[in-house]
């Protein structure tokens, strides 16, 4: 085989190898795209009738004086949390009592499921809510949250970007 034939043969082999590597890379890319497409998240069903089971208690400085005495205990259940942990949706319930805050920690949408709630803003504005009512608590809200009966809500809490 002369030098010209060897160069042509070597070129053909390199071209074939480059073509095969390109084909394998394309197949790998398409397989990854197919996996990503099939790994799309599913719809999450929320059960507003769920019984919250995680027990917690607000700090004593957030608990207002009420009759009967309220110790700040509540139960909750997170039903969904986004991958970046900036959105949480769940149910929350408490016995009757008063909570107070000087700065709510996040924006929150609420749907009242059970009970009666009287909210009084720091400025004195007063709102009442019952089953089926919806409202938003903006981040930084200050005032009192008076649950005049056993109270249950479904909520969606939104953490600020960069939190």
C-alpha atoms as a PDB file:
ATOM      1  CA  UNK A   1       0.000   0.000   0.000  1.00  0.00           C
ATOM      2  CA  UNK A   2       1.465   3.312  -0.992  1.00  0.00           C
ATOM      3  CA  UNK A   3       1.506   6.464   1.183  1.00  0.00           C
ATOM      4  CA  UNK A   4      -1.471   7.977  -0.572  1.00  0.00           C
ATOM      5  CA  UNK A   5      -3.566   4.834  -0.001  1.00  0.00           C
ATOM      6  CA  UNK A   6      -2.486   4.693   3.659  1.00  0.00           C
ATOM      7  CA  UNK A   7      -3.547   8.337   4.195  1.00  0.00           C
ATOM      8  CA  UNK A   8      -6.902   7.695   2.535  1.00  0.00           C
ATOM      9  CA  UNK A   9      -7.409   4.559   4.648  1.00  0.00           C
ATOM     10  CA  UNK A  10      -6.390   6.399   7.841  1.00  0.00           C
ATOM     11  CA  UNK A  11      -8.762   9.266   6.964  1.00  0.00           C
ATOM     12  CA  UNK A  12     -11.615   6.815   6.388  1.00  0.00           C
ATOM     13  CA  UNK A  13     -10.976   5.105   9.735  1.00  0.00           C
ATOM     14  CA  UNK A  14     -10.829   8.451  11.599  1.00  0.00           C
ATOM     15  CA  UNK A  15     -13.992   9.652   9.844  1.00  0.00           C
ATOM     16  CA  UNK A  16     -15.765   6.426  10.781  1.00  0.00           C
ATOM     17  CA  UNK A  17     -14.609   6.759  14.432  1.00  0.00           C
ATOM     18  CA  UNK A  18     -15.727  10.403  14.637  1.00  0.00           C
ATOM     19  CA  UNK A  19     -19.073   9.441  13.118  1.00  0.00           C
ATOM     20  CA  UNK A  20     -19.558   6.632  15.655  1.00  0.00           C
ATOM     21  CA  UNK A  21     -18.628   8.877  18.595  1.00  0.00           C
ATOM     22  CA  UNK A  22     -21.065  11.510  17.306  1.00  0.00           C
ATOM     23  CA  UNK A  23     -23.797   8.901  16.918  1.00  0.00           C
ATOM     24  CA  UNK A  24     -23.242   7.607  20.474  1.00  0.00           C
ATOM     25  CA  UNK A  25     -23.279  11.165  21.820  1.00  0.00           C
ATOM     26  CA  UNK A  26     -26.546  11.891  19.985  1.00  0.00           C
ATOM     27  CA  UNK A  27     -28.146   8.680  21.275  1.00  0.00           C
ATOM     28  CA  UNK A  28     -27.016   9.567  24.823  1.00  0.00           C
ATOM     29  CA  UNK A  29     -28.433  13.083  24.499  1.00  0.00           C
ATOM     30  CA  UNK A  30     -31.767  11.821  23.181  1.00  0.00           C
ATOM     31  CA  UNK A  31     -31.978   9.171  25.932  1.00  0.00           C
ATOM     32  CA  UNK A  32     -31.273  11.810  28.605  1.00  0.00           C
ATOM     33  CA  UNK A  33     -33.929  14.086  27.100  1.00  0.00           C
ATOM     34  CA  UNK A  34     -36.430  11.216  27.101  1.00  0.00           C
ATOM     35  CA  UNK A  35     -35.623  10.420  30.759  1.00  0.00           C
ATOM     36  CA  UNK A  36     -36.013  14.073  31.720  1.00  0.00           C
ATOM     37  CA  UNK A  37     -39.333  14.222  29.923  1.00  0.00           C
ATOM     38  CA  UNK A  38     -40.609  11.073  31.646  1.00  0.00           C
ATOM     39  CA  UNK A  39     -39.357  12.313  35.064  1.00  0.00           C
ATOM     40  CA  UNK A  40     -41.625  15.360  35.004  1.00  0.00           C
ATOM     41  CA  UNK A  41     -43.339  15.886  38.360  1.00  0.00           C
ATOM     42  CA  UNK A  42     -46.859  14.618  38.887  1.00  0.00           C
ATOM     43  CA  UNK A  43     -49.862  16.616  40.049  1.00  0.00           C
ATOM     44  CA  UNK A  44     -50.155  16.520  43.850  1.00  0.00           C
ATOM     45  CA  UNK A  45     -53.637  15.983  45.256  1.00  0.00           C
ATOM     46  CA  UNK A  46     -54.272  17.957  48.445  1.00  0.00           C
ATOM     47  CA  UNK A  47     -56.674  16.681  51.081  1.00  0.00           C
ATOM     48  CA  UNK A  48     -58.244  19.520  53.011  1.00  0.00           C
ATOM     49  CA  UNK A  49     -59.959  16.884  55.161  1.00  0.00           C
ATOM     50  CA  UNK A  50     -56.591  15.527  56.308  1.00  0.00           C
ATOM     51  CA  UNK A  51     -55.972  15.365  60.030  1.00  0.00           C
ATOM     52  CA  UNK A  52     -52.800  17.251  60.938  1.00  0.00           C
ATOM     53  CA  UNK A  53     -50.599  15.100  63.177  1.00  0.00           C
ATOM     54  CA  UNK A  54     -47.321  17.009  63.627  1.00  0.00           C
ATOM     55  CA  UNK A  55     -47.484  18.675  67.025  1.00  0.00           C
ATOM     56  CA  UNK A  56     -45.774  21.973  67.784  1.00  0.00           C
ATOM     57  CA  UNK A  57     -46.116  24.992  70.042  1.00  0.00           C
ATOM     58  CA  UNK A  58     -45.644  28.711  69.479  1.00  0.00           C
ATOM     59  CA  UNK A  59     -43.203  30.517  71.787  1.00  0.00           C
ATOM     60  CA  UNK A  60     -44.861  31.962  74.899  1.00  0.00           C
ATOM     61  CA  UNK A  61     -44.272  35.564  73.730  1.00  0.00           C
ATOM     62  CA  UNK A  62     -46.608  34.874  70.784  1.00  0.00           C
ATOM     63  CA  UNK A  63     -49.433  33.523  72.971  1.00  0.00           C
ATOM     64  CA  UNK A  64     -52.038  36.072  74.092  1.00  0.00           C
ATOM     65  CA  UNK A  65     -54.097  35.866  77.265  1.00  0.00           C
ATOM     66  CA  UNK A  66     -57.385  34.049  76.738  1.00  0.00           C
ATOM     67  CA  UNK A  67     -60.052  32.110  78.604  1.00  0.00           C
ATOM     68  CA  UNK A  68     -59.689  29.214  78.755  1.00  0.00           C
ATOM     69  CA  UNK A  69     -55.920  29.485  78.893  1.00  0.00           C
ATOM     70  CA  UNK A  70     -54.166  28.711  75.587  1.00  0.00           C
ATOM     71  CA  UNK A  71     -50.610  27.351  75.590  1.00  0.00           C
ATOM     72  CA  UNK A  72     -49.874  27.937  71.879  1.00  0.00           C
ATOM     73  CA  UNK A  73     -50.157  24.268  70.840  1.00  0.00           C
ATOM     74  CA  UNK A  74     -51.166  23.382  67.297  1.00  0.00           C
ATOM     75  CA  UNK A  75     -50.939  20.520  64.813  1.00  0.00           C
ATOM     76  CA  UNK A  76     -50.048  20.672  61.141  1.00  0.00           C
ATOM     77  CA  UNK A  77     -49.322  18.512  58.119  1.00  0.00           C
ATOM     78  CA  UNK A  78     -47.343  19.670  55.111  1.00  0.00           C
ATOM     79  CA  UNK A  79     -48.904  18.133  51.999  1.00  0.00           C
ATOM     80  CA  UNK A  80     -46.561  19.658  49.428  1.00  0.00           C
ATOM     81  CA  UNK A  81     -43.202  21.417  49.470  1.00  0.00           C
ATOM     82  CA  UNK A  82     -41.525  22.708  46.317  1.00  0.00           C
ATOM     83  CA  UNK A  83     -38.073  21.454  45.405  1.00  0.00           C
ATOM     84  CA  UNK A  84     -36.547  24.837  46.259  1.00  0.00           C
ATOM     85  CA  UNK A  85     -38.502  24.807  49.578  1.00  0.00           C
ATOM     86  CA  UNK A  86     -39.974  28.240  48.868  1.00  0.00           C
ATOM     87  CA  UNK A  87     -43.602  27.013  48.691  1.00  0.00           C
ATOM     88  CA  UNK A  88     -45.302  24.877  51.345  1.00  0.00           C
ATOM     89  CA  UNK A  89     -48.935  23.792  51.322  1.00  0.00           C
ATOM     90  CA  UNK A  90     -50.695  21.996  54.116  1.00  0.00           C
ATOM     91  CA  UNK A  91     -53.309  21.977  56.832  1.00  0.00           C
ATOM     92  CA  UNK A  92     -53.012  23.562  60.275  1.00  0.00           C
ATOM     93  CA  UNK A  93     -55.309  23.447  63.283  1.00  0.00           C
ATOM     94  CA  UNK A  94     -55.494  24.701  66.819  1.00  0.00           C
ATOM     95  CA  UNK A  95     -57.823  24.952  69.763  1.00  0.00           C
ATOM     96  CA  UNK A  96     -59.301  28.291  70.700  1.00  0.00           C
ATOM     97  CA  UNK A  97     -56.874  30.963  71.808  1.00  0.00           C
ATOM     98  CA  UNK A  98     -55.025  34.102  70.805  1.00  0.00           C
ATOM     99  CA  UNK A  99     -51.738  34.408  68.934  1.00  0.00           C
ATOM    100  CA  UNK A 100     -49.907  37.673  68.366  1.00  0.00           C
ATOM    101  CA  UNK A 101     -47.077  38.689  66.071  1.00  0.00           C
ATOM    102  CA  UNK A 102     -45.048  41.775  65.298  1.00  0.00           C
ATOM    103  CA  UNK A 103     -43.940  40.427  61.916  1.00  0.00           C
ATOM    104  CA  UNK A 104     -45.398  37.409  60.123  1.00  0.00           C
ATOM    105  CA  UNK A 105     -42.476  35.434  58.611  1.00  0.00           C
ATOM    106  CA  UNK A 106     -43.795  34.892  55.047  1.00  0.00           C
ATOM    107  CA  UNK A 107     -46.677  35.552  52.653  1.00  0.00           C
ATOM    108  CA  UNK A 108     -49.473  33.040  53.207  1.00  0.00           C
ATOM    109  CA  UNK A 109     -52.784  32.254  51.498  1.00  0.00           C
ATOM    110  CA  UNK A 110     -55.404  30.710  53.827  1.00  0.00           C
ATOM    111  CA  UNK A 111     -58.684  28.853  53.281  1.00  0.00           C
ATOM    112  CA  UNK A 112     -60.717  28.484  56.489  1.00  0.00           C
ATOM    113  CA  UNK A 113     -61.912  24.884  56.772  1.00  0.00           C
ATOM    114  CA  UNK A 114     -63.410  24.911  60.272  1.00  0.00           C
ATOM    115  CA  UNK A 115     -64.008  27.380  63.062  1.00  0.00           C
ATOM    116  CA  UNK A 116     -64.170  31.118  63.557  1.00  0.00           C
ATOM    117  CA  UNK A 117     -61.283  33.586  63.515  1.00  0.00           C
ATOM    118  CA  UNK A 118     -61.068  37.273  64.427  1.00  0.00           C
ATOM    119  CA  UNK A 119     -57.974  39.065  63.166  1.00  0.00           C
ATOM    120  CA  UNK A 120     -57.080  42.494  64.506  1.00  0.00           C
ATOM    121  CA  UNK A 121     -54.322  44.438  62.756  1.00  0.00           C
ATOM    122  CA  UNK A 122     -51.862  46.497  64.764  1.00  0.00           C
ATOM    123  CA  UNK A 123     -53.655  49.575  63.396  1.00  0.00           C
ATOM    124  CA  UNK A 124     -56.952  48.332  64.923  1.00  0.00           C
ATOM    125  CA  UNK A 125     -58.594  47.053  61.728  1.00  0.00           C
ATOM    126  CA  UNK A 126     -60.683  43.956  62.468  1.00  0.00           C
ATOM    127  CA  UNK A 127     -61.769  41.089  60.187  1.00  0.00           C
ATOM    128  CA  UNK A 128     -63.762  37.921  60.895  1.00  0.00           C
ATOM    129  CA  UNK A 129     -63.449  34.670  58.966  1.00  0.00           C
ATOM    130  CA  UNK A 130     -65.353  31.383  58.924  1.00  0.00           C
ATOM    131  CA  UNK A 131     -65.516  28.181  56.854  1.00  0.00           C
ATOM    132  CA  UNK A 132     -65.033  28.818  53.139  1.00  0.00           C
ATOM    133  CA  UNK A 133     -63.480  32.275  53.615  1.00  0.00           C
ATOM    134  CA  UNK A 134     -60.068  32.977  52.123  1.00  0.00           C
ATOM    135  CA  UNK A 135     -57.483  35.615  52.903  1.00  0.00           C
ATOM    136  CA  UNK A 136     -53.801  36.454  52.557  1.00  0.00           C
ATOM    137  CA  UNK A 137     -51.442  37.268  55.410  1.00  0.00           C
ATOM    138  CA  UNK A 138     -48.652  39.423  53.970  1.00  0.00           C
ATOM    139  CA  UNK A 139     -45.093  38.983  55.165  1.00  0.00           C
ATOM    140  CA  UNK A 140     -44.461  41.396  58.035  1.00  0.00           C
ATOM    141  CA  UNK A 141     -48.138  41.580  59.113  1.00  0.00           C
ATOM    142  CA  UNK A 142     -48.569  42.524  62.783  1.00  0.00           C
ATOM    143  CA  UNK A 143     -51.570  41.984  65.034  1.00  0.00           C
ATOM    144  CA  UNK A 144     -53.598  39.341  66.864  1.00  0.00           C
ATOM    145  CA  UNK A 145     -55.117  36.108  65.608  1.00  0.00           C
ATOM    146  CA  UNK A 146     -58.054  35.156  67.861  1.00  0.00           C
ATOM    147  CA  UNK A 147     -59.458  31.684  67.306  1.00  0.00           C
ATOM    148  CA  UNK A 148     -62.819  31.867  69.075  1.00  0.00           C
ATOM    149  CA  UNK A 149     -63.441  28.143  68.395  1.00  0.00           C
ATOM    150  CA  UNK A 150     -61.366  25.175  67.313  1.00  0.00           C
ATOM    151  CA  UNK A 151     -59.838  26.403  64.047  1.00  0.00           C
ATOM    152  CA  UNK A 152     -58.523  24.620  60.940  1.00  0.00           C
ATOM    153  CA  UNK A 153     -57.094  26.099  57.757  1.00  0.00           C
ATOM    154  CA  UNK A 154     -55.508  24.957  54.540  1.00  0.00           C
ATOM    155  CA  UNK A 155     -52.594  27.213  53.677  1.00  0.00           C
ATOM    156  CA  UNK A 156     -50.020  27.969  51.019  1.00  0.00           C
ATOM    157  CA  UNK A 157     -46.907  29.664  52.422  1.00  0.00           C
ATOM    158  CA  UNK A 158     -44.541  31.507  50.090  1.00  0.00           C
ATOM    159  CA  UNK A 159     -40.999  32.239  51.193  1.00  0.00           C
ATOM    160  CA  UNK A 160     -39.367  35.323  49.709  1.00  0.00           C
ATOM    161  CA  UNK A 161     -36.846  34.874  46.924  1.00  0.00           C
ATOM    162  CA  UNK A 162     -33.369  34.648  48.361  1.00  0.00           C
ATOM    163  CA  UNK A 163     -34.593  33.301  51.750  1.00  0.00           C
END
